[in-house]
Amino acid sequence: MVFLIILIASFVLQFIAPWWAIVIISFAVCGLFSKTAKIALWSPFLAILLLWIGMALFKSIPNDHVLATRVGEMMMVKSWIPILLLSGIMGGFVAAISGFCGYHFRKALLRKSIIKKELQPSN
């Protein structure tokens, strides 16, 4: 569920928001819906990896990978494929860190509220 929410929300918002909207989406979704830290780490990573690679292919195939090839040449890579993979991995990494932080933020808030309730005097 976390994977699909992040994938759909990021897909919709990438047309109107900057690239770093994935940070906010991953943080919020994983903070609200993730059940484990493992899900909070891997779901955003895989969702953004697939989304960014898919969108890069969608935009690169019609122009015969001209821009990706030129960026690859600047980075001393002969092919456009490593550039495609690198961009997907970098976006996935950013989303994974954000989702992991969102999960632990929620855990910290819950822990703080539990501790606060325990410290209150009983009637």
PDB file of N, CA and C in Angstrom:
ATOM      1  N   MET A   1       0.813  -1.185   0.000  1.00  0.00           N
ATOM      2  CA  MET A   1       0.000   0.000   0.000  1.00  0.00           C
ATOM      3  C   MET A   1       0.866   1.262   0.000  1.00  0.00           C
ATOM      4  N   VAL A   2       1.920   1.253   0.827  1.00  0.00           N
ATOM      5  CA  VAL A   2       2.819   2.409   0.889  1.00  0.00           C
ATOM      6  C   VAL A   2       3.460   2.644  -0.483  1.00  0.00           C
ATOM      7  N   PHE A   3       3.881   1.563  -1.116  1.00  0.00           N
ATOM      8  CA  PHE A   3       4.504   1.634  -2.435  1.00  0.00           C
ATOM      9  C   PHE A   3       3.577   2.312  -3.444  1.00  0.00           C
ATOM     10  N   LEU A   4       2.322   1.870  -3.492  1.00  0.00           N
ATOM     11  CA  LEU A   4       1.375   2.416  -4.465  1.00  0.00           C
ATOM     12  C   LEU A   4       1.023   3.872  -4.187  1.00  0.00           C
ATOM     13  N   ILE A   5       0.861   4.225  -2.919  1.00  0.00           N
ATOM     14  CA  ILE A   5       0.526   5.610  -2.585  1.00  0.00           C
ATOM     15  C   ILE A   5       1.655   6.536  -3.006  1.00  0.00           C
ATOM     16  N   ILE A   6       2.893   6.144  -2.691  1.00  0.00           N
ATOM     17  CA  ILE A   6       4.041   6.975  -3.058  1.00  0.00           C
ATOM     18  C   ILE A   6       4.174   7.058  -4.572  1.00  0.00           C
ATOM     19  N   LEU A   7       4.010   5.944  -5.243  1.00  0.00           N
ATOM     20  CA  LEU A   7       4.123   5.925  -6.706  1.00  0.00           C
ATOM     21  C   LEU A   7       3.087   6.827  -7.362  1.00  0.00           C
ATOM     22  N   ILE A   8       1.840   6.707  -6.960  1.00  0.00           N
ATOM     23  CA  ILE A   8       0.770   7.494  -7.583  1.00  0.00           C
ATOM     24  C   ILE A   8       0.901   8.976  -7.234  1.00  0.00           C
ATOM     25  N   ALA A   9       1.129   9.275  -5.958  1.00  0.00           N
ATOM     26  CA  ALA A   9       1.241  10.683  -5.547  1.00  0.00           C
ATOM     27  C   ALA A   9       2.439  11.352  -6.207  1.00  0.00           C
ATOM     28  N   SER A  10       3.550  10.652  -6.288  1.00  0.00           N
ATOM     29  CA  SER A  10       4.742  11.220  -6.921  1.00  0.00           C
ATOM     30  C   SER A  10       4.526  11.411  -8.419  1.00  0.00           C
ATOM     31  N   PHE A  11       3.851  10.466  -9.044  1.00  0.00           N
ATOM     32  CA  PHE A  11       3.562  10.591 -10.471  1.00  0.00           C
ATOM     33  C   PHE A  11       2.721  11.829 -10.753  1.00  0.00           C
ATOM     34  N   VAL A  12       1.699  12.029  -9.953  1.00  0.00           N
ATOM     35  CA  VAL A  12       0.805  13.177 -10.166  1.00  0.00           C
ATOM     36  C   VAL A  12       1.533  14.478  -9.873  1.00  0.00           C
ATOM     37  N   LEU A  13       2.258  14.536  -8.757  1.00  0.00           N
ATOM     38  CA  LEU A  13       2.888  15.787  -8.345  1.00  0.00           C
ATOM     39  C   LEU A  13       4.136  16.147  -9.140  1.00  0.00           C
ATOM     40  N   GLN A  14       4.738  15.193  -9.821  1.00  0.00           N
ATOM     41  CA  GLN A  14       5.953  15.533 -10.557  1.00  0.00           C
ATOM     42  C   GLN A  14       5.681  16.459 -11.739  1.00  0.00           C
ATOM     43  N   PHE A  15       4.451  16.566 -12.157  1.00  0.00           N
ATOM     44  CA  PHE A  15       4.112  17.470 -13.257  1.00  0.00           C
ATOM     45  C   PHE A  15       3.928  18.914 -12.797  1.00  0.00           C
ATOM     46  N   ILE A  16       3.632  19.112 -11.506  1.00  0.00           N
ATOM     47  CA  ILE A  16       3.373  20.462 -11.019  1.00  0.00           C
ATOM     48  C   ILE A  16       4.317  20.900  -9.908  1.00  0.00           C
ATOM     49  N   ALA A  17       5.029  19.984  -9.312  1.00  0.00           N
ATOM     50  CA  ALA A  17       5.899  20.296  -8.174  1.00  0.00           C
ATOM     51  C   ALA A  17       7.361  20.034  -8.552  1.00  0.00           C
ATOM     52  N   PRO A  18       8.298  20.584  -7.791  1.00  0.00           N
ATOM     53  CA  PRO A  18       9.707  20.303  -8.069  1.00  0.00           C
ATOM     54  C   PRO A  18      10.064  18.860  -7.718  1.00  0.00           C
ATOM     55  N   TRP A  19      11.269  18.459  -8.107  1.00  0.00           N
ATOM     56  CA  TRP A  19      11.687  17.071  -7.920  1.00  0.00           C
ATOM     57  C   TRP A  19      11.691  16.677  -6.455  1.00  0.00           C
ATOM     58  N   TRP A  20      11.968  17.623  -5.557  1.00  0.00           N
ATOM     59  CA  TRP A  20      12.093  17.277  -4.147  1.00  0.00           C
ATOM     60  C   TRP A  20      10.751  17.072  -3.461  1.00  0.00           C
ATOM     61  N   ALA A  21       9.669  17.117  -4.197  1.00  0.00           N
ATOM     62  CA  ALA A  21       8.362  16.783  -3.629  1.00  0.00           C
ATOM     63  C   ALA A  21       8.327  15.325  -3.183  1.00  0.00           C
ATOM     64  N   ILE A  22       9.199  14.497  -3.761  1.00  0.00           N
ATOM     65  CA  ILE A  22       9.260  13.087  -3.333  1.00  0.00           C
ATOM     66  C   ILE A  22       9.674  12.973  -1.876  1.00  0.00           C
ATOM     67  N   VAL A  23      10.434  13.938  -1.380  1.00  0.00           N
ATOM     68  CA  VAL A  23      10.857  13.923   0.021  1.00  0.00           C
ATOM     69  C   VAL A  23       9.642  14.103   0.924  1.00  0.00           C
ATOM     70  N   ILE A  24       8.821  15.060   0.607  1.00  0.00           N
ATOM     71  CA  ILE A  24       7.634  15.346   1.419  1.00  0.00           C
ATOM     72  C   ILE A  24       6.640  14.189   1.338  1.00  0.00           C
ATOM     73  N   ILE A  25       6.435  13.675   0.139  1.00  0.00           N
ATOM     74  CA  ILE A  25       5.505  12.561  -0.044  1.00  0.00           C
ATOM     75  C   ILE A  25       5.967  11.336   0.722  1.00  0.00           C
ATOM     76  N   SER A  26       7.229  10.970   0.582  1.00  0.00           N
ATOM     77  CA  SER A  26       7.752   9.781   1.252  1.00  0.00           C
ATOM     78  C   SER A  26       7.702   9.926   2.768  1.00  0.00           C
ATOM     79  N   PHE A  27       8.078  11.106   3.264  1.00  0.00           N
ATOM     80  CA  PHE A  27       8.061  11.350   4.702  1.00  0.00           C
ATOM     81  C   PHE A  27       6.641  11.210   5.248  1.00  0.00           C
ATOM     82  N   ALA A  28       5.691  11.852   4.592  1.00  0.00           N
ATOM     83  CA  ALA A  28       4.308  11.836   5.071  1.00  0.00           C
ATOM     84  C   ALA A  28       3.680  10.449   4.973  1.00  0.00           C
ATOM     85  N   VAL A  29       3.840   9.796   3.837  1.00  0.00           N
ATOM     86  CA  VAL A  29       3.207   8.489   3.639  1.00  0.00           C
ATOM     87  C   VAL A  29       3.803   7.451   4.582  1.00  0.00           C
ATOM     88  N   CYS A  30       5.108   7.417   4.694  1.00  0.00           N
ATOM     89  CA  CYS A  30       5.734   6.439   5.587  1.00  0.00           C
ATOM     90  C   CYS A  30       5.485   6.783   7.052  1.00  0.00           C
ATOM     91  N   GLY A  31       5.373   8.070   7.355  1.00  0.00           N
ATOM     92  CA  GLY A  31       5.046   8.462   8.714  1.00  0.00           C
ATOM     93  C   GLY A  31       3.637   8.062   9.112  1.00  0.00           C
ATOM     94  N   LEU A  32       2.741   8.022   8.161  1.00  0.00           N
ATOM     95  CA  LEU A  32       1.356   7.683   8.463  1.00  0.00           C
ATOM     96  C   LEU A  32       1.039   6.194   8.313  1.00  0.00           C
ATOM     97  N   PHE A  33       1.605   5.540   7.307  1.00  0.00           N
ATOM     98  CA  PHE A  33       1.129   4.201   6.959  1.00  0.00           C
ATOM     99  C   PHE A  33       2.127   3.054   7.132  1.00  0.00           C
ATOM    100  N   SER A  34       3.408   3.322   7.293  1.00  0.00           N
ATOM    101  CA  SER A  34       4.377   2.223   7.364  1.00  0.00           C
ATOM    102  C   SER A  34       4.248   1.468   8.679  1.00  0.00           C
ATOM    103  N   LYS A  35       4.291   0.139   8.563  1.00  0.00           N
ATOM    104  CA  LYS A  35       4.190  -0.696   9.758  1.00  0.00           C
ATOM    105  C   LYS A  35       5.553  -1.097  10.295  1.00  0.00           C
ATOM    106  N   THR A  36       6.554  -1.150   9.422  1.00  0.00           N
ATOM    107  CA  THR A  36       7.903  -1.499   9.864  1.00  0.00           C
ATOM    108  C   THR A  36       8.910  -0.546   9.216  1.00  0.00           C
ATOM    109  N   ALA A  37      10.089  -0.522   9.798  1.00  0.00           N
ATOM    110  CA  ALA A  37      11.156   0.311   9.241  1.00  0.00           C
ATOM    111  C   ALA A  37      11.598  -0.208   7.875  1.00  0.00           C
ATOM    112  N   LYS A  38      11.541  -1.510   7.703  1.00  0.00           N
ATOM    113  CA  LYS A  38      11.932  -2.109   6.426  1.00  0.00           C
ATOM    114  C   LYS A  38      11.012  -1.637   5.291  1.00  0.00           C
ATOM    115  N   ILE A  39       9.715  -1.593   5.567  1.00  0.00           N
ATOM    116  CA  ILE A  39       8.758  -1.103   4.570  1.00  0.00           C
ATOM    117  C   ILE A  39       9.000   0.376   4.311  1.00  0.00           C
ATOM    118  N   ALA A  40       9.277   1.140   5.371  1.00  0.00           N
ATOM    119  CA  ALA A  40       9.502   2.580   5.231  1.00  0.00           C
ATOM    120  C   ALA A  40      10.764   2.883   4.441  1.00  0.00           C
ATOM    121  N   LEU A  41      11.706   1.980   4.406  1.00  0.00           N
ATOM    122  CA  LEU A  41      12.946   2.182   3.657  1.00  0.00           C
ATOM    123  C   LEU A  41      12.811   1.727   2.204  1.00  0.00           C
ATOM    124  N   TRP A  42      12.310   0.523   1.997  1.00  0.00           N
ATOM    125  CA  TRP A  42      12.338  -0.067   0.660  1.00  0.00           C
ATOM    126  C   TRP A  42      11.179   0.342  -0.233  1.00  0.00           C
ATOM    127  N   SER A  43      10.014   0.609   0.323  1.00  0.00           N
ATOM    128  CA  SER A  43       8.875   1.010  -0.521  1.00  0.00           C
ATOM    129  C   SER A  43       9.128   2.325  -1.249  1.00  0.00           C
ATOM    130  N   PRO A  44       9.559   3.397  -0.551  1.00  0.00           N
ATOM    131  CA  PRO A  44       9.838   4.631  -1.300  1.00  0.00           C
ATOM    132  C   PRO A  44      10.985   4.468  -2.294  1.00  0.00           C
ATOM    133  N   PHE A  45      12.010   3.702  -1.906  1.00  0.00           N
ATOM    134  CA  PHE A  45      13.144   3.506  -2.810  1.00  0.00           C
ATOM    135  C   PHE A  45      12.689   2.868  -4.117  1.00  0.00           C
ATOM    136  N   LEU A  46      11.959   1.777  -4.017  1.00  0.00           N
ATOM    137  CA  LEU A  46      11.531   1.070  -5.228  1.00  0.00           C
ATOM    138  C   LEU A  46      10.497   1.867  -6.026  1.00  0.00           C
ATOM    139  N   ALA A  47       9.596   2.573  -5.329  1.00  0.00           N
ATOM    140  CA  ALA A  47       8.577   3.359  -6.031  1.00  0.00           C
ATOM    141  C   ALA A  47       9.222   4.462  -6.865  1.00  0.00           C
ATOM    142  N   ILE A  48      10.135   5.210  -6.282  1.00  0.00           N
ATOM    143  CA  ILE A  48      10.761   6.324  -7.003  1.00  0.00           C
ATOM    144  C   ILE A  48      11.754   5.810  -8.039  1.00  0.00           C
ATOM    145  N   LEU A  49      12.454   4.732  -7.733  1.00  0.00           N
ATOM    146  CA  LEU A  49      13.363   4.127  -8.721  1.00  0.00           C
ATOM    147  C   LEU A  49      12.593   3.774  -9.985  1.00  0.00           C
ATOM    148  N   LEU A  50      11.504   3.055  -9.829  1.00  0.00           N
ATOM    149  CA  LEU A  50      10.706   2.664 -11.004  1.00  0.00           C
ATOM    150  C   LEU A  50      10.063   3.864 -11.687  1.00  0.00           C
ATOM    151  N   LEU A  51       9.559   4.799 -10.902  1.00  0.00           N
ATOM    152  CA  LEU A  51       8.910   5.974 -11.484  1.00  0.00           C
ATOM    153  C   LEU A  51       9.902   6.813 -12.283  1.00  0.00           C
ATOM    154  N   TRP A  52      11.053   7.098 -11.717  1.00  0.00           N
ATOM    155  CA  TRP A  52      12.016   7.957 -12.406  1.00  0.00           C
ATOM    156  C   TRP A  52      12.628   7.269 -13.617  1.00  0.00           C
ATOM    157  N   ILE A  53      12.899   5.989 -13.526  1.00  0.00           N
ATOM    158  CA  ILE A  53      13.417   5.277 -14.702  1.00  0.00           C
ATOM    159  C   ILE A  53      12.343   5.233 -15.791  1.00  0.00           C
ATOM    160  N   GLY A  54      11.110   4.962 -15.405  1.00  0.00           N
ATOM    161  CA  GLY A  54      10.014   4.936 -16.375  1.00  0.00           C
ATOM    162  C   GLY A  54       9.786   6.285 -17.035  1.00  0.00           C
ATOM    163  N   MET A  55       9.796   7.340 -16.245  1.00  0.00           N
ATOM    164  CA  MET A  55       9.591   8.676 -16.818  1.00  0.00           C
ATOM    165  C   MET A  55      10.782   9.102 -17.680  1.00  0.00           C
ATOM    166  N   ALA A  56      11.991   8.738 -17.260  1.00  0.00           N
ATOM    167  CA  ALA A  56      13.160   9.071 -18.078  1.00  0.00           C
ATOM    168  C   ALA A  56      13.103   8.351 -19.420  1.00  0.00           C
ATOM    169  N   LEU A  57      12.701   7.099 -19.399  1.00  0.00           N
ATOM    170  CA  LEU A  57      12.553   6.369 -20.659  1.00  0.00           C
ATOM    171  C   LEU A  57      11.436   6.974 -21.512  1.00  0.00           C
ATOM    172  N   PHE A  58      10.337   7.333 -20.876  1.00  0.00           N
ATOM    173  CA  PHE A  58       9.205   7.923 -21.587  1.00  0.00           C
ATOM    174  C   PHE A  58       9.608   9.212 -22.295  1.00  0.00           C
ATOM    175  N   LYS A  59      10.457  10.000 -21.666  1.00  0.00           N
ATOM    176  CA  LYS A  59      10.875  11.266 -22.264  1.00  0.00           C
ATOM    177  C   LYS A  59      12.102  11.117 -23.163  1.00  0.00           C
ATOM    178  N   SER A  60      12.882  10.063 -22.972  1.00  0.00           N
ATOM    179  CA  SER A  60      14.125   9.910 -23.708  1.00  0.00           C
ATOM    180  C   SER A  60      13.965   9.101 -25.003  1.00  0.00           C
ATOM    181  N   ILE A  61      13.057   8.168 -25.016  1.00  0.00           N
ATOM    182  CA  ILE A  61      12.885   7.326 -26.209  1.00  0.00           C
ATOM    183  C   ILE A  61      12.462   8.133 -27.436  1.00  0.00           C
ATOM    184  N   PRO A  62      11.505   9.078 -27.342  1.00  0.00           N
ATOM    185  CA  PRO A  62      11.108   9.816 -28.545  1.00  0.00           C
ATOM    186  C   PRO A  62      12.229  10.632 -29.189  1.00  0.00           C
ATOM    187  N   ASN A  63      13.212  11.092 -28.400  1.00  0.00           N
ATOM    188  CA  ASN A  63      14.288  11.885 -29.003  1.00  0.00           C
ATOM    189  C   ASN A  63      15.571  11.077 -29.183  1.00  0.00           C
ATOM    190  N   ASP A  64      15.441   9.757 -29.199  1.00  0.00           N
ATOM    191  CA  ASP A  64      16.554   8.847 -29.457  1.00  0.00           C
ATOM    192  C   ASP A  64      17.692   9.028 -28.441  1.00  0.00           C
ATOM    193  N   HIS A  65      17.340   9.323 -27.195  1.00  0.00           N
ATOM    194  CA  HIS A  65      18.283   9.408 -26.074  1.00  0.00           C
ATOM    195  C   HIS A  65      19.396  10.442 -26.288  1.00  0.00           C
ATOM    196  N   VAL A  66      19.093  11.518 -26.969  1.00  0.00           N
ATOM    197  CA  VAL A  66      20.109  12.532 -27.274  1.00  0.00           C
ATOM    198  C   VAL A  66      20.632  13.193 -26.005  1.00  0.00           C
ATOM    199  N   LEU A  67      19.731  13.690 -25.156  1.00  0.00           N
ATOM    200  CA  LEU A  67      20.160  14.379 -23.942  1.00  0.00           C
ATOM    201  C   LEU A  67      20.878  13.432 -22.987  1.00  0.00           C
ATOM    202  N   ALA A  68      20.342  12.234 -22.800  1.00  0.00           N
ATOM    203  CA  ALA A  68      20.979  11.269 -21.909  1.00  0.00           C
ATOM    204  C   ALA A  68      22.367  10.872 -22.418  1.00  0.00           C
ATOM    205  N   THR A  69      22.519  10.764 -23.698  1.00  0.00           N
ATOM    206  CA  THR A  69      23.831  10.439 -24.274  1.00  0.00           C
ATOM    207  C   THR A  69      24.812  11.579 -24.054  1.00  0.00           C
ATOM    208  N   ARG A  70      24.360  12.812 -24.225  1.00  0.00           N
ATOM    209  CA  ARG A  70      25.250  13.964 -24.001  1.00  0.00           C
ATOM    210  C   ARG A  70      25.655  14.083 -22.540  1.00  0.00           C
ATOM    211  N   VAL A  71      24.726  13.842 -21.634  1.00  0.00           N
ATOM    212  CA  VAL A  71      25.070  13.860 -20.209  1.00  0.00           C
ATOM    213  C   VAL A  71      26.052  12.734 -19.904  1.00  0.00           C
ATOM    214  N   GLY A  72      25.853  11.591 -20.510  1.00  0.00           N
ATOM    215  CA  GLY A  72      26.787  10.482 -20.340  1.00  0.00           C
ATOM    216  C   GLY A  72      28.180  10.810 -20.841  1.00  0.00           C
ATOM    217  N   GLU A  73      28.257  11.511 -21.965  1.00  0.00           N
ATOM    218  CA  GLU A  73      29.557  11.924 -22.481  1.00  0.00           C
ATOM    219  C   GLU A  73      30.248  12.901 -21.539  1.00  0.00           C
ATOM    220  N   MET A  74      29.475  13.790 -20.914  1.00  0.00           N
ATOM    221  CA  MET A  74      30.070  14.724 -19.946  1.00  0.00           C
ATOM    222  C   MET A  74      30.617  13.982 -18.729  1.00  0.00           C
ATOM    223  N   MET A  75      29.982  12.863 -18.383  1.00  0.00           N
ATOM    224  CA  MET A  75      30.424  12.078 -17.236  1.00  0.00           C
ATOM    225  C   MET A  75      31.374  10.947 -17.649  1.00  0.00           C
ATOM    226  N   MET A  76      31.824  11.012 -18.887  1.00  0.00           N
ATOM    227  CA  MET A  76      32.761  10.037 -19.445  1.00  0.00           C
ATOM    228  C   MET A  76      32.211   8.609 -19.453  1.00  0.00           C
ATOM    229  N   VAL A  77      30.937   8.508 -19.769  1.00  0.00           N
ATOM    230  CA  VAL A  77      30.279   7.212 -19.929  1.00  0.00           C
ATOM    231  C   VAL A  77      29.820   7.137 -21.370  1.00  0.00           C
ATOM    232  N   LYS A  78      30.023   6.022 -22.013  1.00  0.00           N
ATOM    233  CA  LYS A  78      29.734   5.922 -23.440  1.00  0.00           C
ATOM    234  C   LYS A  78      28.256   5.645 -23.751  1.00  0.00           C
ATOM    235  N   SER A  79      27.492   5.255 -22.758  1.00  0.00           N
ATOM    236  CA  SER A  79      26.101   4.881 -22.997  1.00  0.00           C
ATOM    237  C   SER A  79      25.158   5.734 -22.149  1.00  0.00           C
ATOM    238  N   TRP A  80      23.905   5.769 -22.527  1.00  0.00           N
ATOM    239  CA  TRP A  80      22.906   6.513 -21.775  1.00  0.00           C
ATOM    240  C   TRP A  80      22.296   5.682 -20.660  1.00  0.00           C
ATOM    241  N   ILE A  81      22.462   4.368 -20.694  1.00  0.00           N
ATOM    242  CA  ILE A  81      21.840   3.473 -19.709  1.00  0.00           C
ATOM    243  C   ILE A  81      22.355   3.713 -18.283  1.00  0.00           C
ATOM    244  N   PRO A  82      23.670   3.859 -18.065  1.00  0.00           N
ATOM    245  CA  PRO A  82      24.112   4.142 -16.690  1.00  0.00           C
ATOM    246  C   PRO A  82      23.574   5.464 -16.145  1.00  0.00           C
ATOM    247  N   ILE A  83      23.386   6.447 -16.997  1.00  0.00           N
ATOM    248  CA  ILE A  83      22.826   7.724 -16.562  1.00  0.00           C
ATOM    249  C   ILE A  83      21.378   7.527 -16.112  1.00  0.00           C
ATOM    250  N   LEU A  84      20.644   6.732 -16.862  1.00  0.00           N
ATOM    251  CA  LEU A  84      19.264   6.418 -16.512  1.00  0.00           C
ATOM    252  C   LEU A  84      19.198   5.702 -15.161  1.00  0.00           C
ATOM    253  N   LEU A  85      20.025   4.704 -14.970  1.00  0.00           N
ATOM    254  CA  LEU A  85      20.051   3.966 -13.714  1.00  0.00           C
ATOM    255  C   LEU A  85      20.512   4.831 -12.557  1.00  0.00           C
ATOM    256  N   LEU A  86      21.509   5.655 -12.797  1.00  0.00           N
ATOM    257  CA  LEU A  86      22.030   6.519 -11.740  1.00  0.00           C
ATOM    258  C   LEU A  86      20.976   7.524 -11.271  1.00  0.00           C
ATOM    259  N   SER A  87      20.246   8.095 -12.184  1.00  0.00           N
ATOM    260  CA  SER A  87      19.202   9.048 -11.784  1.00  0.00           C
ATOM    261  C   SER A  87      18.096   8.346 -10.996  1.00  0.00           C
ATOM    262  N   GLY A  88      17.719   7.157 -11.401  1.00  0.00           N
ATOM    263  CA  GLY A  88      16.703   6.404 -10.664  1.00  0.00           C
ATOM    264  C   GLY A  88      17.172   6.010  -9.272  1.00  0.00           C
ATOM    265  N   ILE A  89      18.418   5.585  -9.162  1.00  0.00           N
ATOM    266  CA  ILE A  89      18.966   5.185  -7.861  1.00  0.00           C
ATOM    267  C   ILE A  89      19.098   6.387  -6.933  1.00  0.00           C
ATOM    268  N   MET A  90      19.527   7.518  -7.471  1.00  0.00           N
ATOM    269  CA  MET A  90      19.656   8.714  -6.628  1.00  0.00           C
ATOM    270  C   MET A  90      18.292   9.180  -6.110  1.00  0.00           C
ATOM    271  N   GLY A  91      17.296   9.205  -6.963  1.00  0.00           N
ATOM    272  CA  GLY A  91      15.958   9.572  -6.519  1.00  0.00           C
ATOM    273  C   GLY A  91      15.400   8.585  -5.506  1.00  0.00           C
ATOM    274  N   GLY A  92      15.628   7.301  -5.749  1.00  0.00           N
ATOM    275  CA  GLY A  92      15.188   6.270  -4.813  1.00  0.00           C
ATOM    276  C   GLY A  92      15.872   6.387  -3.466  1.00  0.00           C
ATOM    277  N   PHE A  93      17.148   6.722  -3.480  1.00  0.00           N
ATOM    278  CA  PHE A  93      17.904   6.881  -2.239  1.00  0.00           C
ATOM    279  C   PHE A  93      17.361   8.046  -1.419  1.00  0.00           C
ATOM    280  N   VAL A  94      17.084   9.160  -2.072  1.00  0.00           N
ATOM    281  CA  VAL A  94      16.524  10.330  -1.380  1.00  0.00           C
ATOM    282  C   VAL A  94      15.160   9.987  -0.786  1.00  0.00           C
ATOM    283  N   ALA A  95      14.319   9.308  -1.544  1.00  0.00           N
ATOM    284  CA  ALA A  95      12.995   8.932  -1.060  1.00  0.00           C
ATOM    285  C   ALA A  95      13.083   7.925   0.085  1.00  0.00           C
ATOM    286  N   ALA A  96      14.028   6.992  -0.004  1.00  0.00           N
ATOM    287  CA  ALA A  96      14.186   5.988   1.050  1.00  0.00           C
ATOM    288  C   ALA A  96      14.595   6.634   2.368  1.00  0.00           C
ATOM    289  N   ILE A  97      15.532   7.552   2.323  1.00  0.00           N
ATOM    290  CA  ILE A  97      15.956   8.236   3.547  1.00  0.00           C
ATOM    291  C   ILE A  97      14.792   9.026   4.135  1.00  0.00           C
ATOM    292  N   SER A  98      14.056   9.699   3.292  1.00  0.00           N
ATOM    293  CA  SER A  98      12.917  10.486   3.753  1.00  0.00           C
ATOM    294  C   SER A  98      11.838   9.601   4.372  1.00  0.00           C
ATOM    295  N   GLY A  99      11.530   8.497   3.736  1.00  0.00           N
ATOM    296  CA  GLY A  99      10.529   7.579   4.279  1.00  0.00           C
ATOM    297  C   GLY A  99      10.959   6.975   5.603  1.00  0.00           C
ATOM    298  N   PHE A 100      12.220   6.608   5.701  1.00  0.00           N
ATOM    299  CA  PHE A 100      12.777   6.049   6.938  1.00  0.00           C
ATOM    300  C   PHE A 100      12.692   7.076   8.064  1.00  0.00           C
ATOM    301  N   CYS A 101      13.004   8.336   7.755  1.00  0.00           N
ATOM    302  CA  CYS A 101      12.913   9.406   8.752  1.00  0.00           C
ATOM    303  C   CYS A 101      11.466   9.654   9.161  1.00  0.00           C
ATOM    304  N   GLY A 102      10.538   9.584   8.217  1.00  0.00           N
ATOM    305  CA  GLY A 102       9.124   9.760   8.540  1.00  0.00           C
ATOM    306  C   GLY A 102       8.617   8.687   9.481  1.00  0.00           C
ATOM    307  N   TYR A 103       9.014   7.458   9.245  1.00  0.00           N
ATOM    308  CA  TYR A 103       8.620   6.349  10.116  1.00  0.00           C
ATOM    309  C   TYR A 103       9.160   6.562  11.529  1.00  0.00           C
ATOM    310  N   HIS A 104      10.429   6.903  11.632  1.00  0.00           N
ATOM    311  CA  HIS A 104      11.024   7.084  12.952  1.00  0.00           C
ATOM    312  C   HIS A 104      10.536   8.354  13.646  1.00  0.00           C
ATOM    313  N   PHE A 105      10.134   9.353  12.881  1.00  0.00           N
ATOM    314  CA  PHE A 105       9.529  10.541  13.465  1.00  0.00           C
ATOM    315  C   PHE A 105       8.218  10.176  14.156  1.00  0.00           C
ATOM    316  N   ARG A 106       7.400   9.379  13.472  1.00  0.00           N
ATOM    317  CA  ARG A 106       6.150   8.927  14.082  1.00  0.00           C
ATOM    318  C   ARG A 106       6.421   8.097  15.331  1.00  0.00           C
ATOM    319  N   LYS A 107       7.396   7.204  15.270  1.00  0.00           N
ATOM    320  CA  LYS A 107       7.744   6.386  16.428  1.00  0.00           C
ATOM    321  C   LYS A 107       8.198   7.256  17.597  1.00  0.00           C
ATOM    322  N   ALA A 108       8.972   8.298  17.310  1.00  0.00           N
ATOM    323  CA  ALA A 108       9.447   9.194  18.364  1.00  0.00           C
ATOM    324  C   ALA A 108       8.282   9.956  18.993  1.00  0.00           C
ATOM    325  N   LEU A 109       7.337  10.403  18.169  1.00  0.00           N
ATOM    326  CA  LEU A 109       6.177  11.103  18.716  1.00  0.00           C
ATOM    327  C   LEU A 109       5.328  10.182  19.579  1.00  0.00           C
ATOM    328  N   LEU A 110       5.135   8.951  19.134  1.00  0.00           N
ATOM    329  CA  LEU A 110       4.364   7.996  19.926  1.00  0.00           C
ATOM    330  C   LEU A 110       5.077   7.680  21.230  1.00  0.00           C
ATOM    331  N   ARG A 111       6.368   7.515  21.159  1.00  0.00           N
ATOM    332  CA  ARG A 111       7.159   7.211  22.363  1.00  0.00           C
ATOM    333  C   ARG A 111       7.089   8.374  23.343  1.00  0.00           C
ATOM    334  N   LYS A 112       7.169   9.586  22.830  1.00  0.00           N
ATOM    335  CA  LYS A 112       7.109  10.760  23.693  1.00  0.00           C
ATOM    336  C   LYS A 112       5.746  10.863  24.365  1.00  0.00           C
ATOM    337  N   SER A 113       4.668  10.578  23.637  1.00  0.00           N
ATOM    338  CA  SER A 113       3.336  10.662  24.230  1.00  0.00           C
ATOM    339  C   SER A 113       3.127   9.562  25.265  1.00  0.00           C
ATOM    340  N   ILE A 114       3.703   8.387  25.057  1.00  0.00           N
ATOM    341  CA  ILE A 114       3.602   7.297  26.028  1.00  0.00           C
ATOM    342  C   ILE A 114       4.356   7.662  27.295  1.00  0.00           C
ATOM    343  N   ILE A 115       5.547   8.195  27.146  1.00  0.00           N
ATOM    344  CA  ILE A 115       6.342   8.594  28.303  1.00  0.00           C
ATOM    345  C   ILE A 115       5.642   9.720  29.061  1.00  0.00           C
ATOM    346  N   LYS A 116       5.065  10.659  28.355  1.00  0.00           N
ATOM    347  CA  LYS A 116       4.374  11.777  28.976  1.00  0.00           C
ATOM    348  C   LYS A 116       3.181  11.284  29.778  1.00  0.00           C
ATOM    349  N   LYS A 117       2.448  10.309  29.246  1.00  0.00           N
ATOM    350  CA  LYS A 117       1.303   9.746  29.969  1.00  0.00           C
ATOM    351  C   LYS A 117       1.750   8.999  31.216  1.00  0.00           C
ATOM    352  N   GLU A 118       2.891   8.314  31.142  1.00  0.00           N
ATOM    353  CA  GLU A 118       3.390   7.563  32.297  1.00  0.00           C
ATOM    354  C   GLU A 118       3.847   8.493  33.418  1.00  0.00           C
ATOM    355  N   LEU A 119       4.334   9.670  33.075  1.00  0.00           N
ATOM    356  CA  LEU A 119       4.842  10.602  34.072  1.00  0.00           C
ATOM    357  C   LEU A 119       3.740  11.418  34.733  1.00  0.00           C
ATOM    358  N   GLN A 120       2.547  11.434  34.146  1.00  0.00           N
ATOM    359  CA  GLN A 120       1.453  12.183  34.747  1.00  0.00           C
ATOM    360  C   GLN A 120       0.984  11.482  36.017  1.00  0.00           C
ATOM    361  N   PRO A 121       0.665  12.262  37.061  1.00  0.00           N
ATOM    362  CA  PRO A 121       0.194  11.633  38.302  1.00  0.00           C
ATOM    363  C   PRO A 121      -1.171  10.997  38.123  1.00  0.00           C
ATOM    364  N   SER A 122      -1.390   9.876  38.769  1.00  0.00           N
ATOM    365  CA  SER A 122      -2.669   9.167  38.702  1.00  0.00           C
ATOM    366  C   SER A 122      -3.648   9.757  39.692  1.00  0.00           C
ATOM    367  N   ASN A 123      -4.920   9.688  39.373  1.00  0.00           N
ATOM    368  CA  ASN A 123      -5.965  10.190  40.284  1.00  0.00           C
ATOM    369  C   ASN A 123      -6.427   9.121  41.200  1.00  0.00           C
TER     370      ASN A 123
END
